[in-house]
Each structure stands twice: as C-alpha cells, then as structure tokens.
C-alpha cells in the first residue's frame, strides 16, 4: 500500500526501501522499473542485493558519503565483482 501511495502522485523521484521477501521484492522491482520507463521517473535505491542493483541503469558505489565507483548498467554477477574490487582498493 505504501508503494501505491508513493506512486499515485507521479513524483519525479521515488525511493523504495524495506526488507521484503524475494517474490514481493521482485514484484516491487518490476513496478519500479516500469515507472521509470513508462512515466520517466527516477528510482533511487540503496541496496546490497546484486539482483536488485542489476535492474538499474546506473550503479554507483559510495564510501564515506562519496561516489567511489560508477559502473553504469551491470549484470547481477558484475555487481559483487565490482564490490570485491572496492574492498581490495
């Protein structure tokens, strides 16, 4: 219900958060992706879930409040690899 309330006013920016089950999470991610393509909305998502990050058009990695890496669009297997590279740096 909270997602529907957030989207009904067609805001420019929507930030989905929460710890959801895999089925619900997948449905919400598809809804968010659809809102981007159909309504031109921007979705800002903070996640450590590579599958969730993989739907993004742009993936930014932050450290100490700063962008430390921008890998653009990536698959769910590329996200953990990029995270490991950051750990080594």
PDB file of N, CA and C in Angstrom:
ATOM      1  N   UNK A   1       0.819  -1.194   0.000  1.00  0.00           N
ATOM      2  CA  UNK A   1       0.000   0.000   0.000  1.00  0.00           C
ATOM      3  C   UNK A   1       0.866   1.264   0.000  1.00  0.00           C
ATOM      4  N   UNK A   2       1.962   1.222   0.736  1.00  0.00           N
ATOM      5  CA  UNK A   2       2.834   2.393   0.799  1.00  0.00           C
ATOM      6  C   UNK A   2       3.422   2.726  -0.572  1.00  0.00           C
ATOM      7  N   UNK A   3       3.750   1.694  -1.354  1.00  0.00           N
ATOM      8  CA  UNK A   3       4.285   1.922  -2.694  1.00  0.00           C
ATOM      9  C   UNK A   3       3.233   2.602  -3.562  1.00  0.00           C
ATOM     10  N   UNK A   4       1.997   2.115  -3.503  1.00  0.00           N
ATOM     11  CA  UNK A   4       0.914   2.712  -4.296  1.00  0.00           C
ATOM     12  C   UNK A   4       0.717   4.174  -3.915  1.00  0.00           C
ATOM     13  N   UNK A   5       0.727   4.472  -2.632  1.00  0.00           N
ATOM     14  CA  UNK A   5       0.570   5.860  -2.176  1.00  0.00           C
ATOM     15  C   UNK A   5       1.715   6.730  -2.672  1.00  0.00           C
ATOM     16  N   UNK A   6       2.921   6.172  -2.696  1.00  0.00           N
ATOM     17  CA  UNK A   6       4.085   6.933  -3.144  1.00  0.00           C
ATOM     18  C   UNK A   6       4.030   7.217  -4.640  1.00  0.00           C
ATOM     19  N   UNK A   7       3.429   6.314  -5.419  1.00  0.00           N
ATOM     20  CA  UNK A   7       3.417   6.464  -6.875  1.00  0.00           C
ATOM     21  C   UNK A   7       2.207   7.211  -7.420  1.00  0.00           C
ATOM     22  N   UNK A   8       1.121   7.250  -6.664  1.00  0.00           N
ATOM     23  CA  UNK A   8      -0.125   7.822  -7.176  1.00  0.00           C
ATOM     24  C   UNK A   8       0.014   9.282  -7.599  1.00  0.00           C
ATOM     25  N   UNK A   9       0.866  10.034  -6.934  1.00  0.00           N
ATOM     26  CA  UNK A   9       1.048  11.442  -7.290  1.00  0.00           C
ATOM     27  C   UNK A   9       2.071  11.633  -8.401  1.00  0.00           C
ATOM     28  N   UNK A  10       2.596  10.510  -8.944  1.00  0.00           N
ATOM     29  CA  UNK A  10       3.587  10.516 -10.022  1.00  0.00           C
ATOM     30  C   UNK A  10       4.765  11.439  -9.719  1.00  0.00           C
ATOM     31  N   UNK A  11       5.450  11.210  -8.601  1.00  0.00           N
ATOM     32  CA  UNK A  11       6.587  12.066  -8.245  1.00  0.00           C
ATOM     33  C   UNK A  11       7.745  11.881  -9.217  1.00  0.00           C
ATOM     34  N   UNK A  12       8.611  12.853  -9.257  1.00  0.00           N
ATOM     35  CA  UNK A  12       9.794  12.781 -10.106  1.00  0.00           C
ATOM     36  C   UNK A  12      10.784  11.756  -9.573  1.00  0.00           C
ATOM     37  N   UNK A  13      10.905  11.664  -8.247  1.00  0.00           N
ATOM     38  CA  UNK A  13      11.847  10.743  -7.609  1.00  0.00           C
ATOM     39  C   UNK A  13      11.104   9.880  -6.597  1.00  0.00           C
ATOM     40  N   UNK A  14      11.335   8.566  -6.647  1.00  0.00           N
ATOM     41  CA  UNK A  14      10.758   7.608  -5.694  1.00  0.00           C
ATOM     42  C   UNK A  14      11.913   6.806  -5.124  1.00  0.00           C
ATOM     43  N   UNK A  15      11.944   6.644  -3.811  1.00  0.00           N
ATOM     44  CA  UNK A  15      12.999   5.856  -3.170  1.00  0.00           C
ATOM     45  C   UNK A  15      12.386   4.659  -2.467  1.00  0.00           C
ATOM     46  N   UNK A  16      12.446   3.458  -3.074  1.00  0.00           N
ATOM     47  CA  UNK A  16      11.882   2.273  -2.419  1.00  0.00           C
ATOM     48  C   UNK A  16      12.851   1.743  -1.370  1.00  0.00           C
ATOM     49  N   UNK A  17      12.355   1.415  -0.213  1.00  0.00           N
ATOM     50  CA  UNK A  17      13.190   0.840   0.842  1.00  0.00           C
ATOM     51  C   UNK A  17      12.431  -0.284   1.512  1.00  0.00           C
ATOM     52  N   UNK A  18      13.140  -1.091   2.265  1.00  0.00           N
ATOM     53  CA  UNK A  18      12.480  -2.126   3.038  1.00  0.00           C
ATOM     54  C   UNK A  18      13.118  -3.473   2.831  1.00  0.00           C
ATOM     55  N   UNK A  19      12.825  -4.368   3.736  1.00  0.00           N
ATOM     56  CA  UNK A  19      13.330  -5.731   3.687  1.00  0.00           C
ATOM     57  C   UNK A  19      12.152  -6.623   3.341  1.00  0.00           C
ATOM     58  N   UNK A  20      12.039  -7.005   2.054  1.00  0.00           N
ATOM     59  CA  UNK A  20      10.899  -7.748   1.566  1.00  0.00           C
ATOM     60  C   UNK A  20      11.286  -9.171   1.212  1.00  0.00           C
ATOM     61  N   UNK A  21      10.296 -10.063   1.130  1.00  0.00           N
ATOM     62  CA  UNK A  21      10.535 -11.420   0.660  1.00  0.00           C
ATOM     63  C   UNK A  21      10.922 -11.395  -0.807  1.00  0.00           C
ATOM     64  N   UNK A  22      11.496 -12.479  -1.307  1.00  0.00           N
ATOM     65  CA  UNK A  22      12.015 -12.486  -2.677  1.00  0.00           C
ATOM     66  C   UNK A  22      10.926 -12.267  -3.721  1.00  0.00           C
ATOM     67  N   UNK A  23       9.741 -12.852  -3.542  1.00  0.00           N
ATOM     68  CA  UNK A  23       8.662 -12.678  -4.520  1.00  0.00           C
ATOM     69  C   UNK A  23       8.175 -11.230  -4.525  1.00  0.00           C
ATOM     70  N   UNK A  24       7.904 -10.693  -3.346  1.00  0.00           N
ATOM     71  CA  UNK A  24       7.428  -9.318  -3.244  1.00  0.00           C
ATOM     72  C   UNK A  24       8.495  -8.351  -3.724  1.00  0.00           C
ATOM     73  N   UNK A  25       9.729  -8.606  -3.363  1.00  0.00           N
ATOM     74  CA  UNK A  25      10.832  -7.763  -3.790  1.00  0.00           C
ATOM     75  C   UNK A  25      10.922  -7.714  -5.310  1.00  0.00           C
ATOM     76  N   UNK A  26      10.817  -8.863  -5.949  1.00  0.00           N
ATOM     77  CA  UNK A  26      10.868  -8.936  -7.406  1.00  0.00           C
ATOM     78  C   UNK A  26       9.714  -8.158  -8.029  1.00  0.00           C
ATOM     79  N   UNK A  27       8.521  -8.281  -7.470  1.00  0.00           N
ATOM     80  CA  UNK A  27       7.356  -7.555  -7.983  1.00  0.00           C
ATOM     81  C   UNK A  27       7.545  -6.045  -7.835  1.00  0.00           C
ATOM     82  N   UNK A  28       8.072  -5.605  -6.708  1.00  0.00           N
ATOM     83  CA  UNK A  28       8.304  -4.173  -6.471  1.00  0.00           C
ATOM     84  C   UNK A  28       9.367  -3.651  -7.433  1.00  0.00           C
ATOM     85  N   UNK A  29      10.428  -4.424  -7.642  1.00  0.00           N
ATOM     86  CA  UNK A  29      11.473  -4.007  -8.569  1.00  0.00           C
ATOM     87  C   UNK A  29      10.929  -3.868  -9.988  1.00  0.00           C
ATOM     88  N   UNK A  30      10.065  -4.798 -10.400  1.00  0.00           N
ATOM     89  CA  UNK A  30       9.451  -4.700 -11.730  1.00  0.00           C
ATOM     90  C   UNK A  30       8.559  -3.464 -11.820  1.00  0.00           C
ATOM     91  N   UNK A  31       7.824  -3.172 -10.751  1.00  0.00           N
ATOM     92  CA  UNK A  31       6.979  -1.978 -10.713  1.00  0.00           C
ATOM     93  C   UNK A  31       7.826  -0.719 -10.805  1.00  0.00           C
ATOM     94  N   UNK A  32       8.926  -0.694 -10.070  1.00  0.00           N
ATOM     95  CA  UNK A  32       9.814   0.471 -10.107  1.00  0.00           C
ATOM     96  C   UNK A  32      10.416   0.650 -11.499  1.00  0.00           C
ATOM     97  N   UNK A  33      10.818  -0.451 -12.117  1.00  0.00           N
ATOM     98  CA  UNK A  33      11.397  -0.383 -13.452  1.00  0.00           C
ATOM     99  C   UNK A  33      10.350   0.126 -14.453  1.00  0.00           C
ATOM    100  N   UNK A  34       9.118  -0.322 -14.294  1.00  0.00           N
ATOM    101  CA  UNK A  34       8.042   0.133 -15.175  1.00  0.00           C
ATOM    102  C   UNK A  34       7.758   1.616 -14.999  1.00  0.00           C
ATOM    103  N   UNK A  35       7.824   2.104 -13.760  1.00  0.00           N
ATOM    104  CA  UNK A  35       7.576   3.530 -13.521  1.00  0.00           C
ATOM    105  C   UNK A  35       8.644   4.388 -14.181  1.00  0.00           C
ATOM    106  N   UNK A  36       9.859   3.861 -14.260  1.00  0.00           N
ATOM    107  CA  UNK A  36      10.941   4.585 -14.931  1.00  0.00           C
ATOM    108  C   UNK A  36      10.675   4.658 -16.427  1.00  0.00           C
ATOM    109  N   UNK A  37      10.353   3.520 -17.031  1.00  0.00           N
ATOM    110  CA  UNK A  37      10.176   3.502 -18.481  1.00  0.00           C
ATOM    111  C   UNK A  37       8.881   4.160 -18.934  1.00  0.00           C
ATOM    112  N   UNK A  38       7.802   3.960 -18.198  1.00  0.00           N
ATOM    113  CA  UNK A  38       6.510   4.494 -18.637  1.00  0.00           C
ATOM    114  C   UNK A  38       6.263   5.938 -18.230  1.00  0.00           C
ATOM    115  N   UNK A  39       6.770   6.338 -17.074  1.00  0.00           N
ATOM    116  CA  UNK A  39       6.465   7.676 -16.556  1.00  0.00           C
ATOM    117  C   UNK A  39       7.675   8.590 -16.478  1.00  0.00           C
ATOM    118  N   UNK A  40       8.840   8.086 -16.856  1.00  0.00           N
ATOM    119  CA  UNK A  40      10.036   8.906 -16.819  1.00  0.00           C
ATOM    120  C   UNK A  40      10.488   9.259 -15.412  1.00  0.00           C
ATOM    121  N   UNK A  41      10.112   8.418 -14.446  1.00  0.00           N
ATOM    122  CA  UNK A  41      10.500   8.673 -13.064  1.00  0.00           C
ATOM    123  C   UNK A  41      11.910   8.179 -12.801  1.00  0.00           C
ATOM    124  N   UNK A  42      12.504   8.687 -11.753  1.00  0.00           N
ATOM    125  CA  UNK A  42      13.821   8.255 -11.308  1.00  0.00           C
ATOM    126  C   UNK A  42      13.653   7.444 -10.037  1.00  0.00           C
ATOM    127  N   UNK A  43      14.272   6.286  -9.985  1.00  0.00           N
ATOM    128  CA  UNK A  43      14.258   5.462  -8.784  1.00  0.00           C
ATOM    129  C   UNK A  43      15.641   5.501  -8.160  1.00  0.00           C
ATOM    130  N   UNK A  44      15.704   5.878  -6.899  1.00  0.00           N
ATOM    131  CA  UNK A  44      16.951   5.876  -6.146  1.00  0.00           C
ATOM    132  C   UNK A  44      16.846   4.717  -5.170  1.00  0.00           C
ATOM    133  N   UNK A  45      17.799   3.810  -5.239  1.00  0.00           N
ATOM    134  CA  UNK A  45      17.722   2.622  -4.406  1.00  0.00           C
ATOM    135  C   UNK A  45      19.059   2.400  -3.724  1.00  0.00           C
ATOM    136  N   UNK A  46      19.015   2.161  -2.443  1.00  0.00           N
ATOM    137  CA  UNK A  46      20.215   1.798  -1.689  1.00  0.00           C
ATOM    138  C   UNK A  46      20.059   0.326  -1.354  1.00  0.00           C
ATOM    139  N   UNK A  47      21.002  -0.486  -1.827  1.00  0.00           N
ATOM    140  CA  UNK A  47      20.862  -1.928  -1.633  1.00  0.00           C
ATOM    141  C   UNK A  47      22.214  -2.617  -1.620  1.00  0.00           C
ATOM    142  N   UNK A  48      22.256  -3.771  -0.987  1.00  0.00           N
ATOM    143  CA  UNK A  48      23.437  -4.627  -1.075  1.00  0.00           C
ATOM    144  C   UNK A  48      23.076  -5.900  -1.834  1.00  0.00           C
ATOM    145  N   UNK A  49      21.903  -5.909  -2.479  1.00  0.00           N
ATOM    146  CA  UNK A  49      21.404  -7.046  -3.235  1.00  0.00           C
ATOM    147  C   UNK A  49      21.814  -6.896  -4.704  1.00  0.00           C
ATOM    148  N   UNK A  50      22.741  -7.722  -5.190  1.00  0.00           N
ATOM    149  CA  UNK A  50      23.200  -7.610  -6.578  1.00  0.00           C
ATOM    150  C   UNK A  50      22.073  -7.742  -7.600  1.00  0.00           C
ATOM    151  N   UNK A  51      21.082  -8.580  -7.312  1.00  0.00           N
ATOM    152  CA  UNK A  51      19.956  -8.752  -8.232  1.00  0.00           C
ATOM    153  C   UNK A  51      19.141  -7.464  -8.332  1.00  0.00           C
ATOM    154  N   UNK A  52      18.926  -6.806  -7.211  1.00  0.00           N
ATOM    155  CA  UNK A  52      18.197  -5.537  -7.217  1.00  0.00           C
ATOM    156  C   UNK A  52      19.005  -4.468  -7.938  1.00  0.00           C
ATOM    157  N   UNK A  53      20.294  -4.411  -7.694  1.00  0.00           N
ATOM    158  CA  UNK A  53      21.145  -3.414  -8.333  1.00  0.00           C
ATOM    159  C   UNK A  53      21.208  -3.622  -9.844  1.00  0.00           C
ATOM    160  N   UNK A  54      21.112  -4.873 -10.281  1.00  0.00           N
ATOM    161  CA  UNK A  54      21.250  -5.191 -11.699  1.00  0.00           C
ATOM    162  C   UNK A  54      20.134  -4.621 -12.565  1.00  0.00           C
ATOM    163  N   UNK A  55      19.004  -4.236 -11.984  1.00  0.00           N
ATOM    164  CA  UNK A  55      17.942  -3.653 -12.811  1.00  0.00           C
ATOM    165  C   UNK A  55      18.198  -2.180 -13.085  1.00  0.00           C
ATOM    166  N   UNK A  56      19.164  -1.613 -12.391  1.00  0.00           N
ATOM    167  CA  UNK A  56      19.434  -0.179 -12.513  1.00  0.00           C
ATOM    168  C   UNK A  56      20.108   0.164 -13.833  1.00  0.00           C
ATOM    169  N   UNK A  57      19.857   1.366 -14.309  1.00  0.00           N
ATOM    170  CA  UNK A  57      20.531   1.878 -15.497  1.00  0.00           C
ATOM    171  C   UNK A  57      21.922   2.396 -15.142  1.00  0.00           C
ATOM    172  N   UNK A  58      22.115   2.693 -13.855  1.00  0.00           N
ATOM    173  CA  UNK A  58      23.395   3.237 -13.384  1.00  0.00           C
ATOM    174  C   UNK A  58      23.613   2.769 -11.953  1.00  0.00           C
ATOM    175  N   UNK A  59      24.794   2.237 -11.681  1.00  0.00           N
ATOM    176  CA  UNK A  59      25.119   1.760 -10.341  1.00  0.00           C
ATOM    177  C   UNK A  59      26.303   2.562  -9.821  1.00  0.00           C
ATOM    178  N   UNK A  60      26.078   3.191  -8.696  1.00  0.00           N
ATOM    179  CA  UNK A  60      27.123   3.979  -8.043  1.00  0.00           C
ATOM    180  C   UNK A  60      27.502   3.299  -6.737  1.00  0.00           C
ATOM    181  N   UNK A  61      28.777   3.293  -6.430  1.00  0.00           N
ATOM    182  CA  UNK A  61      29.247   2.778  -5.159  1.00  0.00           C
ATOM    183  C   UNK A  61      29.691   3.958  -4.315  1.00  0.00           C
ATOM    184  N   UNK A  62      29.243   3.978  -3.078  1.00  0.00           N
ATOM    185  CA  UNK A  62      29.567   5.073  -2.165  1.00  0.00           C
ATOM    186  C   UNK A  62      30.453   4.578  -1.039  1.00  0.00           C
ATOM    187  N   UNK A  63      31.343   5.444  -0.594  1.00  0.00           N
ATOM    188  CA  UNK A  63      32.162   5.192   0.590  1.00  0.00           C
ATOM    189  C   UNK A  63      32.348   6.525   1.292  1.00  0.00           C
ATOM    190  N   UNK A  64      32.048   6.547   2.545  1.00  0.00           N
ATOM    191  CA  UNK A  64      32.184   7.769   3.341  1.00  0.00           C
ATOM    192  C   UNK A  64      31.431   8.942   2.717  1.00  0.00           C
ATOM    193  N   UNK A  65      30.252   8.650   2.152  1.00  0.00           N
ATOM    194  CA  UNK A  65      29.403   9.698   1.589  1.00  0.00           C
ATOM    195  C   UNK A  65      29.831  10.207   0.228  1.00  0.00           C
ATOM    196  N   UNK A  66      30.793   9.539  -0.393  1.00  0.00           N
ATOM    197  CA  UNK A  66      31.286   9.978  -1.709  1.00  0.00           C
ATOM    198  C   UNK A  66      31.170   8.845  -2.727  1.00  0.00           C
ATOM    199  N   UNK A  67      30.948   9.217  -3.980  1.00  0.00           N
ATOM    200  CA  UNK A  67      30.924   8.231  -5.055  1.00  0.00           C
ATOM    201  C   UNK A  67      32.355   7.790  -5.318  1.00  0.00           C
ATOM    202  N   UNK A  68      32.605   6.481  -5.190  1.00  0.00           N
ATOM    203  CA  UNK A  68      33.950   5.956  -5.402  1.00  0.00           C
ATOM    204  C   UNK A  68      34.042   5.111  -6.674  1.00  0.00           C
ATOM    205  N   UNK A  69      32.897   4.752  -7.234  1.00  0.00           N
ATOM    206  CA  UNK A  69      32.894   3.977  -8.481  1.00  0.00           C
ATOM    207  C   UNK A  69      31.536   4.095  -9.145  1.00  0.00           C
ATOM    208  N   UNK A  70      31.526   4.176 -10.470  1.00  0.00           N
ATOM    209  CA  UNK A  70      30.322   4.230 -11.273  1.00  0.00           C
ATOM    210  C   UNK A  70      30.483   3.184 -12.357  1.00  0.00           C
ATOM    211  N   UNK A  71      29.690   2.118 -12.292  1.00  0.00           N
ATOM    212  CA  UNK A  71      29.844   1.069 -13.307  1.00  0.00           C
ATOM    213  C   UNK A  71      28.705   1.080 -14.322  1.00  0.00           C
ATOM    214  N   UNK A  72      27.853   2.082 -14.278  1.00  0.00           N
ATOM    215  CA  UNK A  72      26.767   2.131 -15.249  1.00  0.00           C
ATOM    216  C   UNK A  72      25.850   0.948 -15.085  1.00  0.00           C
ATOM    217  N   UNK A  73      25.353   0.386 -16.173  1.00  0.00           N
ATOM    218  CA  UNK A  73      24.475  -0.782 -16.124  1.00  0.00           C
ATOM    219  C   UNK A  73      25.337  -2.033 -16.005  1.00  0.00           C
ATOM    220  N   UNK A  74      24.918  -2.966 -15.160  1.00  0.00           N
ATOM    221  CA  UNK A  74      25.706  -4.182 -14.950  1.00  0.00           C
ATOM    222  C   UNK A  74      24.785  -5.344 -14.612  1.00  0.00           C
ATOM    223  N   UNK A  75      25.251  -6.539 -14.877  1.00  0.00           N
ATOM    224  CA  UNK A  75      24.511  -7.748 -14.529  1.00  0.00           C
ATOM    225  C   UNK A  75      24.699  -8.078 -13.057  1.00  0.00           C
ATOM    226  N   UNK A  76      23.835  -8.963 -12.561  1.00  0.00           N
ATOM    227  CA  UNK A  76      23.891  -9.276 -11.124  1.00  0.00           C
ATOM    228  C   UNK A  76      25.190  -9.951 -10.710  1.00  0.00           C
ATOM    229  N   UNK A  77      25.937 -10.524 -11.652  1.00  0.00           N
ATOM    230  CA  UNK A  77      27.226 -11.143 -11.322  1.00  0.00           C
ATOM    231  C   UNK A  77      28.360 -10.116 -11.352  1.00  0.00           C
ATOM    232  N   UNK A  78      28.156  -9.038 -12.082  1.00  0.00           N
ATOM    233  CA  UNK A  78      29.174  -7.994 -12.161  1.00  0.00           C
ATOM    234  C   UNK A  78      29.202  -7.121 -10.910  1.00  0.00           C
ATOM    235  N   UNK A  79      28.061  -6.996 -10.248  1.00  0.00           N
ATOM    236  CA  UNK A  79      27.974  -6.125  -9.064  1.00  0.00           C
ATOM    237  C   UNK A  79      28.860  -6.636  -7.933  1.00  0.00           C
ATOM    238  N   UNK A  80      28.769  -7.927  -7.546  1.00  0.00           N
ATOM    239  CA  UNK A  80      29.661  -8.404  -6.478  1.00  0.00           C
ATOM    240  C   UNK A  80      31.140  -8.301  -6.863  1.00  0.00           C
ATOM    241  N   UNK A  81      31.442  -8.526  -8.142  1.00  0.00           N
ATOM    242  CA  UNK A  81      32.837  -8.409  -8.597  1.00  0.00           C
ATOM    243  C   UNK A  81      33.337  -6.985  -8.414  1.00  0.00           C
ATOM    244  N   UNK A  82      32.492  -6.011  -8.740  1.00  0.00           N
ATOM    245  CA  UNK A  82      32.872  -4.608  -8.554  1.00  0.00           C
ATOM    246  C   UNK A  82      33.036  -4.296  -7.067  1.00  0.00           C
ATOM    247  N   UNK A  83      32.185  -4.894  -6.236  1.00  0.00           N
ATOM    248  CA  UNK A  83      32.292  -4.678  -4.787  1.00  0.00           C
ATOM    249  C   UNK A  83      33.607  -5.240  -4.258  1.00  0.00           C
ATOM    250  N   UNK A  84      34.015  -6.409  -4.739  1.00  0.00           N
ATOM    251  CA  UNK A  84      35.280  -7.020  -4.308  1.00  0.00           C
ATOM    252  C   UNK A  84      36.466  -6.142  -4.687  1.00  0.00           C
ATOM    253  N   UNK A  85      36.410  -5.550  -5.891  1.00  0.00           N
ATOM    254  CA  UNK A  85      37.497  -4.664  -6.316  1.00  0.00           C
ATOM    255  C   UNK A  85      37.612  -3.458  -5.388  1.00  0.00           C
ATOM    256  N   UNK A  86      36.473  -2.975  -4.913  1.00  0.00           N
ATOM    257  CA  UNK A  86      36.493  -1.848  -3.991  1.00  0.00           C
ATOM    258  C   UNK A  86      37.115  -2.241  -2.661  1.00  0.00           C
ATOM    259  N   UNK A  87      36.817  -3.467  -2.210  1.00  0.00           N
ATOM    260  CA  UNK A  87      37.385  -3.951  -0.947  1.00  0.00           C
ATOM    261  C   UNK A  87      38.898  -4.063  -1.014  1.00  0.00           C
ATOM    262  N   UNK A  88      39.420  -4.382  -2.204  1.00  0.00           N
ATOM    263  CA  UNK A  88      40.860  -4.550  -2.375  1.00  0.00           C
ATOM    264  C   UNK A  88      41.599  -3.219  -2.501  1.00  0.00           C
ATOM    265  N   UNK A  89      40.853  -2.202  -2.906  1.00  0.00           N
ATOM    266  CA  UNK A  89      41.488  -0.887  -3.153  1.00  0.00           C
ATOM    267  C   UNK A  89      41.871  -0.192  -1.873  1.00  0.00           C
TER     268      UNK A  89
END
